[in-house]
């Protein structure tokens, strides 16, 4: 029955016009038949277009109705949100304000009066730097990584020609990480290409010669690298500087953790879990260091244009056919090798490793020279009679981890340091404050007070000590000004302070110190919050 229906459908869809060439004098019957058949075919086409027109008109009307319904729904949701916002705002006390500093920068710091050190979300004692050159260290990417070194796929157009960005700068030398220069850096990349694009390209040309795909199977780029020193040295800090491309859509990778080891029995595995968006100084317990392992992850991507080599079958095609039917005659071709990236592929284990920055036997860098890499990675293979190679630009999502510098350092910290916040204005007047903070004191410190907090009002330099809530056993974590409550009503851990004025501004001071014999360690404050109750119904800050 199906074959019968298909046959009827094919007969119906075919034109009825049959050409009847005149061998001599035209025959009226044949001429009239051709005119009638042509008329019927044109009438069928007109009817088909008319039917399509009415169907489209019907669909457009339906779509317009759906859009109107959507607009009504959005207006209703907007009204509900405004109503909800009003209820939420009605429940918020307008007489409270929170001042905080997470030490990501110095925006809330009176720099002129601060000699403590602020960096990467930490307030520490200031330090004296004792560095040691590790440029000759061995550095390698470990097998748990899943990306590829360098910038070998990104493209733009120059003079109407496709130009690989890596032709100008490959950024694939691991040694760039150790050279202590800001104008060199290392890139590690992975791509995610939409399935529709891959299907359009017949799923060809998305892997290296060794059948290793550069199109990601997951949405997380992982980079784990190991730096091995020529001989163990004493350190207590790891410094890292990121490379951040000039792209508004780029989100930074994150440092998950790092491992410090002397190569024998002393090992520190330190979690970090912080964005790698600026220079970071990671402090660890002082020890001899034989190697360090750093793990980074990138879960965000940004839009990119990449170059895609593809091969087409040129056999039995004219030049014009080859130009016009490229997408329909794609074939497998020879893609660039993963070894051009300084990597090795194990056929038995079906895994790739590397790269490393030098060959342990010869002491020479394992990479090919840059010009050779460019020829092997960016130039199309030669045209043959049976196949031709071309380059096209396709859209992709690029995952990137960029590193400028990594260094191991040995810092000695000063014995004391002070931080003073900027002046926080509270024009409605301060009624009460509560302090909270996140801090760390090394276990090796003897019992004592190594982090102290003080506040002053209206810049009078009368610094009053206050304790964070988690140290309430040591003293007052709350201060109330010019309170009218009786002695019997007063709360514990609260200092009731009388001032001859109304306090309309506040500063916080933090004093850090360390034991004399612990020069390689520092107390750390990660953040503080000043919760302020004001006397008015509205606040300007």
Protein backbone atom coordinates (compact mmCIF):
# COMPACT_ATOMS: atom_id res chain seq x y z
CA UNK A 1 0.00 0.00 0.00
CA UNK A 2 2.86 2.33 0.82
CA UNK A 3 4.51 1.82 -2.57
CA UNK A 4 1.18 2.52 -4.26
CA UNK A 5 0.74 5.79 -2.33
CA UNK A 6 4.31 6.84 -3.15
CA UNK A 7 3.67 6.10 -6.82
CA UNK A 8 0.47 8.18 -6.83
CA UNK A 9 2.28 11.00 -4.98
CA UNK A 10 5.15 11.01 -7.49
CA UNK A 11 2.73 11.05 -10.46
CA UNK A 12 0.77 13.94 -8.89
CA UNK A 13 3.86 15.99 -8.15
CA UNK A 14 5.33 15.59 -11.64
CA UNK A 15 4.45 18.20 -14.29
CA UNK A 16 1.86 17.05 -16.85
CA UNK A 17 3.43 19.01 -19.70
CA UNK A 18 4.96 16.81 -22.39
CA UNK A 19 7.02 18.37 -25.14
CA UNK A 20 5.93 17.27 -28.63
CA UNK A 21 8.46 18.51 -31.20
CA UNK A 22 7.06 19.21 -34.66
CA UNK A 23 8.76 17.11 -37.32
CA UNK A 24 7.21 19.18 -40.12
CA UNK A 25 4.01 21.26 -40.09
CA UNK A 26 2.79 21.67 -36.44
CA UNK A 27 -0.25 19.56 -35.58
CA UNK A 28 -3.03 21.56 -33.87
CA UNK A 29 -3.89 18.69 -31.54
CA UNK A 30 -0.33 18.47 -30.19
CA UNK A 31 -0.05 22.25 -29.91
CA UNK A 32 -3.36 22.56 -28.03
CA UNK A 33 -2.45 19.66 -25.73
CA UNK A 34 0.85 21.31 -24.78
CA UNK A 35 -0.90 24.63 -24.09
CA UNK A 36 -3.51 22.90 -21.90
CA UNK A 37 -0.86 20.88 -20.03
CA UNK A 38 1.25 24.00 -19.45
CA UNK A 39 -1.86 25.84 -18.24
CA UNK A 40 -2.73 22.96 -15.85
CA UNK A 41 0.82 22.91 -14.49
CA UNK A 42 0.82 26.68 -13.93
CA UNK A 43 -2.62 26.47 -12.33
CA UNK A 44 -1.37 23.73 -9.99
CA UNK A 45 1.62 25.89 -9.04
CA UNK A 46 -0.62 28.92 -8.43
CA UNK A 47 -2.98 26.81 -6.29
CA UNK A 48 -0.03 25.45 -4.35
CA UNK A 49 1.34 28.95 -3.71
CA UNK A 50 -2.13 30.18 -2.73
CA UNK A 51 -2.52 27.32 -0.27
CA UNK A 52 0.95 28.01 1.13
CA UNK A 53 0.11 31.71 1.43
CA UNK A 54 -3.06 31.01 3.44
CA UNK A 55 -1.22 28.51 5.63
CA UNK A 56 1.52 31.05 6.31
CA UNK A 57 -1.05 33.75 7.01
CA UNK A 58 -2.76 31.42 9.45
CA UNK A 59 0.55 30.62 11.14
CA UNK A 60 1.48 34.31 11.35
CA UNK A 61 -1.86 35.09 12.99
CA UNK A 62 -1.37 32.23 15.42
CA UNK A 63 2.17 33.45 16.15
CA UNK A 64 0.89 37.01 16.71
CA UNK A 65 -1.75 35.72 19.13
CA UNK A 66 0.91 33.77 21.00
CA UNK A 67 3.11 36.88 21.16
CA UNK A 68 0.20 38.90 22.55
CA UNK A 69 -0.44 36.20 25.15
CA UNK A 70 3.27 36.22 26.01
CA UNK A 71 3.24 40.02 26.41
CA UNK A 72 0.23 39.77 28.72
CA UNK A 73 1.95 37.06 30.75
CA UNK A 74 5.13 39.13 31.03
CA UNK A 75 3.16 42.18 32.16
CA UNK A 76 1.43 40.04 34.78
CA UNK A 77 4.77 38.62 35.97
CA UNK A 78 6.24 42.15 36.07
CA UNK A 79 3.36 43.36 38.26
CA UNK A 80 3.81 40.38 40.57
CA UNK A 81 7.56 41.04 40.81
CA UNK A 82 6.98 44.70 41.68
CA UNK A 83 4.46 43.64 44.30
CA UNK A 84 6.93 41.10 45.70
CA UNK A 85 9.73 43.70 45.67
CA UNK A 86 7.53 46.08 47.66
CA UNK A 87 6.84 43.39 50.24
CA UNK A 88 10.54 42.51 50.51
CA UNK A 89 11.58 46.14 50.86
CA UNK A 90 8.90 46.60 53.48
CA UNK A 91 10.55 43.89 55.58
CA UNK A 92 14.06 45.34 55.33
CA UNK A 93 15.13 47.61 58.14
CA UNK A 94 16.33 50.83 56.59
CA UNK A 95 18.36 51.52 59.71
CA UNK A 96 21.03 48.86 59.09
CA UNK A 97 24.10 48.96 56.91
CA UNK A 98 26.99 46.57 56.37
CA UNK A 99 30.54 47.71 55.67
CA UNK A 100 32.94 44.97 54.54
CA UNK A 101 36.39 44.43 53.03
CA UNK A 102 37.51 41.18 51.40
CA UNK A 103 41.02 42.50 50.63
CA UNK A 104 40.79 41.87 46.88
CA UNK A 105 42.13 45.38 46.32
CA UNK A 106 42.85 48.57 48.28
CA UNK A 107 39.56 50.36 47.56
CA UNK A 108 38.61 50.39 51.25
CA UNK A 109 42.09 51.13 52.60
CA UNK A 110 43.72 54.30 53.85
CA UNK A 111 47.00 53.46 52.10
CA UNK A 112 48.93 56.32 53.71
CA UNK A 113 48.45 54.81 57.17
CA UNK A 114 48.57 51.10 56.23
CA UNK A 115 51.82 49.16 56.27
CA UNK A 116 50.29 45.67 56.29
CA UNK A 117 50.17 43.72 53.00
CA UNK A 118 46.97 43.30 50.94
CA UNK A 119 46.87 40.76 48.12
CA UNK A 120 44.57 38.11 46.63
CA UNK A 121 41.95 38.24 49.35
CA UNK A 122 44.34 38.34 52.30
CA UNK A 123 45.62 40.88 54.81
CA UNK A 124 49.04 39.80 56.15
CA UNK A 125 52.16 41.24 57.67
CA UNK A 126 54.33 43.01 55.13
CA UNK A 127 57.28 41.02 53.93
CA UNK A 128 60.84 41.02 52.78
CA UNK A 129 61.45 38.98 49.64
CA UNK A 130 64.18 36.39 49.30
CA UNK A 131 63.87 34.82 45.86
CA UNK A 132 65.72 32.00 44.17
CA UNK A 133 66.00 31.44 40.43
CA UNK A 134 64.05 28.36 39.26
CA UNK A 135 64.24 29.08 35.49
CA UNK A 136 66.20 25.87 34.86
CA UNK A 137 63.61 23.69 36.57
CA UNK A 138 61.81 20.92 34.74
CA UNK A 139 58.15 21.66 34.05
CA UNK A 140 55.63 19.22 32.59
CA UNK A 141 51.89 18.84 32.06
CA UNK A 142 50.49 15.80 33.86
CA UNK A 143 48.15 13.20 32.25
CA UNK A 144 45.10 14.34 34.27
CA UNK A 145 45.01 17.42 32.01
CA UNK A 146 42.65 17.36 29.04
CA UNK A 147 43.55 20.30 26.78
CA UNK A 148 46.24 21.34 24.32
CA UNK A 149 49.09 23.87 24.60
CA UNK A 150 49.31 27.06 22.60
CA UNK A 151 47.02 29.11 20.42
CA UNK A 152 46.84 26.92 17.31
CA UNK A 153 43.21 27.15 16.16
CA UNK A 154 42.04 30.77 16.58
CA UNK A 155 41.80 32.84 13.38
CA UNK A 156 40.92 36.25 12.01
CA UNK A 157 41.00 37.69 8.51
CA UNK A 158 43.75 39.87 7.06
CA UNK A 159 43.44 41.27 3.53
CA UNK A 160 40.50 38.94 2.91
CA UNK A 161 42.66 35.92 3.83
CA UNK A 162 42.36 33.60 6.83
CA UNK A 163 45.13 34.25 9.36
CA UNK A 164 45.89 31.97 12.32
CA UNK A 165 46.64 34.01 15.45
CA UNK A 166 49.33 31.50 16.35
CA UNK A 167 51.33 32.57 13.30
CA UNK A 168 52.19 35.73 15.26
CA UNK A 169 52.61 34.11 18.67
CA UNK A 170 52.17 30.43 19.46
CA UNK A 171 52.24 30.88 23.28
CA UNK A 172 52.95 27.16 23.71
CA UNK A 173 56.39 27.19 25.35
CA UNK A 174 56.15 25.93 28.93
CA UNK A 175 59.36 27.83 29.65
CA UNK A 176 57.32 31.05 29.38
CA UNK A 177 55.91 30.22 32.81
CA UNK A 178 59.34 30.33 34.46
CA UNK A 179 61.02 33.25 32.63
CA UNK A 180 59.72 35.98 35.01
CA UNK A 181 58.63 38.16 32.06
CA UNK A 182 55.25 39.83 31.61
CA UNK A 183 55.43 39.89 27.80
CA UNK A 184 55.50 36.09 27.45
CA UNK A 185 52.87 33.63 28.57
CA UNK A 186 51.56 30.10 28.11
CA UNK A 187 48.11 29.26 26.78
CA UNK A 188 46.23 26.00 27.31
CA UNK A 189 43.04 25.54 25.31
CA UNK A 190 40.09 23.32 24.51
CA UNK A 191 37.12 23.86 22.19
CA UNK A 192 33.47 23.00 22.14
CA UNK A 193 31.90 22.98 18.69
CA UNK A 194 28.17 22.80 18.09
CA UNK A 195 26.94 19.46 16.76
CA UNK A 196 25.13 21.16 13.87
CA UNK A 197 28.45 22.57 12.62
CA UNK A 198 30.17 19.20 12.97
CA UNK A 199 27.36 17.48 11.06
CA UNK A 200 27.54 20.10 8.32
CA UNK A 201 31.26 19.33 7.98
CA UNK A 202 30.50 15.58 7.80
CA UNK A 203 32.31 15.11 11.14
CA UNK A 204 35.67 15.42 9.36
CA UNK A 205 38.71 17.44 10.39
CA UNK A 206 38.01 17.73 14.13
CA UNK A 207 40.87 15.59 15.35
CA UNK A 208 44.64 15.37 15.12
CA UNK A 209 46.49 12.83 12.99
CA UNK A 210 46.53 10.39 15.94
CA UNK A 211 42.69 10.42 16.10
CA UNK A 212 42.74 12.61 19.22
CA UNK A 213 39.78 15.06 19.00
CA UNK A 214 40.30 18.72 19.86
CA UNK A 215 36.54 19.13 20.25
CA UNK A 216 35.73 18.74 23.95
CA UNK A 217 33.60 15.89 25.26
CA UNK A 218 32.94 17.76 28.51
CA UNK A 219 32.63 21.38 29.57
CA UNK A 220 35.61 21.63 31.90
CA UNK A 221 39.21 22.31 30.88
CA UNK A 222 41.72 20.85 33.34
CA UNK A 223 45.39 21.73 33.59
CA UNK A 224 47.71 20.10 36.12
CA UNK A 225 51.40 20.90 35.84
CA UNK A 226 54.45 19.91 37.86
CA UNK A 227 57.61 21.93 38.46
CA UNK A 228 60.62 19.86 39.58
CA UNK A 229 63.65 21.70 40.93
CA UNK A 230 67.22 20.65 40.13
CA UNK A 231 67.79 20.33 43.88
CA UNK A 232 65.46 20.93 46.88
CA UNK A 233 65.37 24.50 48.21
CA UNK A 234 63.67 26.23 51.12
CA UNK A 235 60.45 28.13 50.27
CA UNK A 236 57.22 29.29 51.91
CA UNK A 237 55.30 30.98 49.05
CA UNK A 238 53.99 30.14 45.61
CA UNK A 239 53.42 33.08 43.26
CA UNK A 240 51.25 32.85 40.12
CA UNK A 241 50.37 35.50 37.52
CA UNK A 242 47.53 34.89 35.03
CA UNK A 243 47.28 35.79 31.37
CA UNK A 244 43.87 37.35 30.73
CA UNK A 245 42.93 37.99 27.05
CA UNK A 246 41.37 41.28 26.03
CA UNK A 247 37.94 39.74 25.63
CA UNK A 248 34.88 41.03 27.46
CA UNK A 249 33.31 37.56 27.48
CA UNK A 250 36.28 35.89 29.18
CA UNK A 251 35.82 34.52 32.69
CA UNK A 252 38.87 33.54 34.70
CA UNK A 253 39.88 29.99 35.47
CA UNK A 254 40.25 28.89 39.08
CA UNK A 255 43.10 27.40 41.08
CA UNK A 256 41.79 24.25 42.75
CA UNK A 257 44.78 23.26 44.86
CA UNK A 258 48.55 22.88 44.95
CA UNK A 259 50.92 20.28 46.39
CA UNK A 260 54.34 21.02 47.90
CA UNK A 261 56.78 18.15 48.50
CA UNK A 262 60.41 17.62 49.42
CA UNK A 263 60.38 14.42 47.34
CA UNK A 264 60.55 12.27 50.46
CA UNK A 265 58.09 12.32 53.35
CA UNK A 266 57.09 15.95 53.80
CA UNK A 267 54.08 16.89 51.68
CA UNK A 268 51.48 19.66 51.90
CA UNK A 269 48.25 19.37 49.88
CA UNK A 270 46.65 22.80 50.12
CA UNK A 271 43.14 23.56 48.74
CA UNK A 272 42.67 27.00 47.16
CA UNK A 273 39.41 27.14 45.14
CA UNK A 274 39.80 30.78 44.15
CA UNK A 275 39.47 32.64 40.83
CA UNK A 276 42.75 33.03 38.95
CA UNK A 277 41.94 36.57 37.82
CA UNK A 278 44.94 38.45 39.23
CA UNK A 279 48.40 37.83 40.64
CA UNK A 280 48.18 35.40 43.53
CA UNK A 281 50.50 34.78 46.45
CA UNK A 282 49.82 31.44 48.14
CA UNK A 283 51.53 31.00 51.49
CA UNK A 284 52.38 27.58 52.89
CA UNK A 285 54.29 26.19 55.84
CA UNK A 286 58.05 26.66 55.22
CA UNK A 287 59.84 23.54 53.99
CA UNK A 288 62.35 22.15 51.53
CA UNK A 289 60.72 21.94 48.11
CA UNK A 290 61.70 19.36 45.49
CA UNK A 291 58.59 19.79 43.37
CA UNK A 292 55.26 21.60 43.27
CA UNK A 293 52.06 20.47 41.51
CA UNK A 294 49.35 23.01 40.63
CA UNK A 295 45.82 22.12 39.50
CA UNK A 296 43.65 24.61 37.59
CA UNK A 297 40.18 24.35 36.07
CA UNK A 298 38.20 26.39 33.56
CA UNK A 299 34.43 25.87 33.34
CA UNK A 300 33.65 29.02 31.33
CA UNK A 301 34.16 29.54 27.60
CA UNK A 302 33.94 32.46 25.22
CA UNK A 303 32.96 32.82 21.57
CA UNK A 304 35.79 32.22 19.13
CA UNK A 305 36.46 31.85 15.42
CA UNK A 306 38.67 28.89 14.54
CA UNK A 307 40.25 27.67 11.32
CA UNK A 308 39.08 24.29 10.05
CA UNK A 309 40.99 22.28 7.43
CA UNK A 310 38.85 20.09 5.20
CA UNK A 311 39.52 17.86 2.22
CA UNK A 312 37.34 17.36 -0.85
CA UNK A 313 37.32 14.67 -3.52
CA UNK A 314 38.42 16.23 -6.82
CA UNK A 315 38.14 13.06 -8.93
CA UNK A 316 35.64 13.20 -11.83
CA UNK A 317 34.72 16.79 -11.01
CA UNK A 318 35.23 19.75 -13.25
CA UNK A 319 36.73 22.91 -11.77
CA UNK A 320 33.25 24.46 -11.65
CA UNK A 321 31.76 21.41 -9.93
CA UNK A 322 34.58 21.31 -7.39
CA UNK A 323 34.00 24.96 -6.52
CA UNK A 324 30.24 24.60 -6.15
CA UNK A 325 29.93 21.23 -4.42
CA UNK A 326 32.64 21.33 -1.76
CA UNK A 327 30.29 20.43 1.08
CA UNK A 328 29.04 17.34 -0.72
CA UNK A 329 32.36 15.66 -1.51
CA UNK A 330 34.31 15.90 1.77
CA UNK A 331 36.75 13.10 2.48
CA UNK A 332 39.27 12.14 5.13
CA UNK A 333 42.63 13.86 4.87
CA UNK A 334 45.91 14.12 6.74
CA UNK A 335 45.46 16.40 9.76
CA UNK A 336 48.29 18.00 11.78
CA UNK A 337 50.00 15.75 14.31
CA UNK A 338 49.66 16.17 18.06
CA UNK A 339 53.46 15.84 18.24
CA UNK A 340 53.73 19.32 16.75
CA UNK A 341 52.47 20.54 20.14
CA UNK A 342 55.29 18.77 21.98
CA UNK A 343 52.94 15.98 23.02
CA UNK A 344 53.12 12.20 22.66
CA UNK A 345 50.32 9.73 21.99
CA UNK A 346 50.40 6.20 23.43
CA UNK A 347 48.63 3.88 20.97
CA UNK A 348 48.31 1.08 23.53
CA UNK A 349 46.90 3.17 26.36
CA UNK A 350 45.00 5.48 23.97
CA UNK A 351 46.24 8.48 25.97
CA UNK A 352 48.36 11.51 25.20
CA UNK A 353 50.98 12.99 27.51
CA UNK A 354 53.05 16.12 27.81
CA UNK A 355 54.38 18.45 26.87
CA UNK A 356 57.58 18.88 28.87
CA UNK A 357 60.02 21.74 28.64
CA UNK A 358 63.12 19.64 28.01
CA UNK A 359 64.42 16.19 27.18
CA UNK A 360 65.92 14.60 30.29
CA UNK A 361 68.64 12.82 28.30
CA UNK A 362 69.83 15.62 26.06
CA UNK A 363 68.78 18.62 28.13
CA UNK A 364 67.31 20.17 24.98
CA UNK A 365 63.81 21.54 24.59
CA UNK A 366 61.57 18.94 22.95
CA UNK A 367 59.54 21.39 20.88
CA UNK A 368 60.24 21.90 17.21
CA UNK A 369 61.31 25.41 16.34
CA UNK A 370 58.46 27.89 15.94
CA UNK A 371 58.72 28.22 12.15
CA UNK A 372 58.54 24.44 11.69
CA UNK A 373 55.51 24.25 13.97
CA UNK A 374 53.76 27.00 12.03
CA UNK A 375 54.35 25.22 8.71
CA UNK A 376 53.00 21.96 10.11
CA UNK A 377 50.01 23.48 11.93
CA UNK A 378 48.81 26.41 9.85
CA UNK A 379 49.64 25.77 6.18
CA UNK A 380 47.29 23.73 4.05
CA UNK A 381 48.63 20.43 2.63
CA UNK A 382 49.45 20.57 -1.08
CA UNK A 383 46.67 20.13 -3.63
CA UNK A 384 46.64 16.74 -5.40
CA UNK A 385 44.71 15.40 -8.37
CA UNK A 386 42.57 13.25 -6.08
CA UNK A 387 42.03 15.62 -3.17
CA UNK A 388 42.23 19.28 -2.39
CA UNK A 389 42.57 20.94 1.02
CA UNK A 390 40.85 24.18 1.99
CA UNK A 391 40.41 26.25 5.15
CA UNK A 392 37.14 27.63 6.44
CA UNK A 393 36.17 29.65 9.51
CA UNK A 394 33.73 28.08 11.95
CA UNK A 395 32.26 29.19 15.28
CA UNK A 396 33.39 27.54 18.50
CA UNK A 397 33.47 27.99 22.25
CA UNK A 398 37.02 28.34 23.56
CA UNK A 399 38.09 27.27 27.05
CA UNK A 400 41.35 28.95 28.08
CA UNK A 401 43.80 28.79 30.96
CA UNK A 402 46.55 31.39 30.56
CA UNK A 403 49.64 31.70 32.75
CA UNK A 404 52.30 34.42 32.64
CA UNK A 405 54.57 33.46 35.51
CA UNK A 406 54.98 30.95 38.31
CA UNK A 407 57.63 31.35 41.00
CA UNK A 408 58.61 29.79 44.32
CA UNK A 409 59.63 32.37 46.89
CA UNK A 410 60.88 32.63 50.43
CA UNK A 411 59.40 35.53 52.39
CA UNK A 412 60.31 36.73 55.85
CA UNK A 413 57.52 38.70 57.48
CA UNK A 414 57.90 41.85 59.54
CA UNK A 415 57.11 41.63 63.23
CA UNK A 416 54.04 43.88 63.09
CA UNK A 417 51.75 45.67 60.67
CA UNK A 418 48.70 47.94 60.68
CA UNK A 419 45.66 48.30 58.44
CA UNK A 420 43.32 51.30 58.62
CA UNK A 421 40.10 51.32 56.65
CA UNK A 422 38.82 54.24 54.69
CA UNK A 423 36.28 56.44 56.49
CA UNK A 424 32.78 54.96 56.28
CA UNK A 425 30.16 57.73 56.34
CA UNK A 426 26.88 57.21 58.26
CA UNK A 427 25.04 60.54 58.01
CA UNK A 428 22.05 59.37 60.06
CA UNK A 429 24.30 58.62 63.04
CA UNK A 430 25.75 55.40 64.46
CA UNK A 431 23.68 53.77 67.18
CA UNK A 432 25.52 50.43 67.51
CA UNK A 433 28.11 48.27 65.72
CA UNK A 434 28.93 44.55 65.63
CA UNK A 435 32.20 43.14 64.25
CA UNK A 436 32.70 39.82 62.50
CA UNK A 437 35.76 38.54 60.63
CA UNK A 438 37.46 35.55 59.05
CA UNK A 439 41.03 35.06 60.18
CA UNK A 440 43.86 32.54 60.54
CA UNK A 441 46.63 32.22 63.11
CA UNK A 442 49.37 29.59 62.49
CA UNK A 443 49.34 26.67 64.91
CA UNK A 444 53.06 27.18 65.50
CA UNK A 445 52.38 30.52 67.23
CA UNK A 446 52.44 30.47 71.03
CA UNK A 447 49.27 31.50 72.84
CA UNK A 448 48.76 35.23 72.56
CA UNK A 449 46.95 38.00 70.72
CA UNK A 450 48.26 38.32 67.16
CA UNK A 451 45.26 40.02 65.53
CA UNK A 452 43.60 43.02 67.22
CA UNK A 453 40.72 45.25 66.04
CA UNK A 454 39.94 48.87 66.96
CA UNK A 455 37.35 51.45 65.88
CA UNK A 456 37.20 55.22 66.13
CA UNK A 457 34.34 57.63 65.43
CA UNK A 458 34.40 60.97 63.61
CA UNK A 459 38.18 60.68 63.16
CA UNK A 460 38.90 61.53 66.82
CA UNK A 461 41.82 58.99 67.01
CA UNK A 462 40.33 57.55 70.20
CA UNK A 463 40.78 53.91 69.16
CA UNK A 464 38.49 51.54 71.06
CA UNK A 465 39.20 47.80 70.97
CA UNK A 466 36.50 45.48 69.67
CA UNK A 467 36.56 41.71 69.14
CA UNK A 468 35.00 39.68 66.30
CA UNK A 469 31.96 37.58 67.23
CA UNK A 470 33.84 34.28 67.02
CA UNK A 471 36.22 35.57 69.73
CA UNK A 472 33.48 36.78 72.09
CA UNK A 473 35.14 34.95 74.98
CA UNK A 474 38.00 37.46 74.79
CA UNK A 475 35.94 40.67 74.96
CA UNK A 476 33.20 42.87 73.51
CA UNK A 477 32.13 42.23 69.91
CA UNK A 478 29.47 44.99 70.02
CA UNK A 479 29.57 48.71 70.86
CA UNK A 480 26.50 50.89 71.56
CA UNK A 481 26.84 54.67 71.57
CA UNK A 482 25.00 57.07 73.88
CA UNK A 483 22.47 54.45 74.91
CA UNK A 484 19.60 55.34 77.26
CA UNK A 485 19.00 51.82 78.61
CA UNK A 486 19.56 51.08 82.30
CA UNK A 487 22.39 49.08 83.81
CA UNK A 488 20.06 46.12 84.39
CA UNK A 489 19.07 46.01 80.72
CA UNK A 490 22.58 46.02 79.34
CA UNK A 491 23.83 42.97 77.40
CA UNK A 492 27.04 41.03 77.91
CA UNK A 493 29.84 41.33 75.33
CA UNK A 494 28.63 44.85 74.57
CA UNK A 495 30.53 48.04 75.38
CA UNK A 496 28.24 51.00 76.20
CA UNK A 497 30.12 54.10 75.16
CA UNK A 498 29.27 57.74 75.83
CA UNK A 499 30.43 60.33 73.30
CA UNK A 500 29.85 64.11 73.46
CA UNK A 501 28.75 64.08 69.83
CA UNK A 502 26.70 62.04 67.40
CA UNK A 503 28.96 59.64 65.50
CA UNK A 504 28.49 60.06 61.74
CA UNK A 505 31.62 58.25 60.52
CA UNK A 506 33.69 55.24 61.52
CA UNK A 507 37.13 53.75 60.80
CA UNK A 508 38.43 50.27 61.57
CA UNK A 509 42.03 49.51 62.48
CA UNK A 510 43.58 46.02 62.42
CA UNK A 511 46.94 45.37 64.07
CA UNK A 512 48.88 42.18 63.14
CA UNK A 513 51.92 40.74 64.88
CA UNK A 514 53.99 37.53 65.10
CA UNK A 515 56.40 35.86 67.54
CA UNK A 516 59.99 37.03 67.13
CA UNK A 517 61.20 33.52 66.23
CA UNK A 518 58.55 32.88 63.52
CA UNK A 519 59.79 35.17 60.75
CA UNK A 520 58.47 32.91 57.98
CA UNK A 521 54.86 32.92 59.21
CA UNK A 522 52.08 35.49 59.41
CA UNK A 523 48.57 35.80 60.82
CA UNK A 524 45.98 36.36 58.08
CA UNK A 525 42.67 38.24 57.95
CA UNK A 526 40.53 37.17 54.97
CA UNK A 527 37.63 39.58 55.50
CA UNK A 528 35.68 41.63 58.03
CA UNK A 529 32.10 42.88 58.36
CA UNK A 530 30.99 45.92 60.34
CA UNK A 531 27.24 45.65 60.94
CA UNK A 532 26.01 49.16 61.82
CA UNK A 533 22.67 50.14 63.33
CA UNK A 534 21.86 53.80 62.61
CA UNK A 535 19.49 56.26 64.27
CA UNK A 536 17.63 57.24 61.11
CA UNK A 537 15.24 55.63 58.69
CA UNK A 538 17.45 56.08 55.67
CA UNK A 539 21.16 55.84 55.00
CA UNK A 540 23.50 57.57 52.58
CA UNK A 541 26.80 55.82 51.91
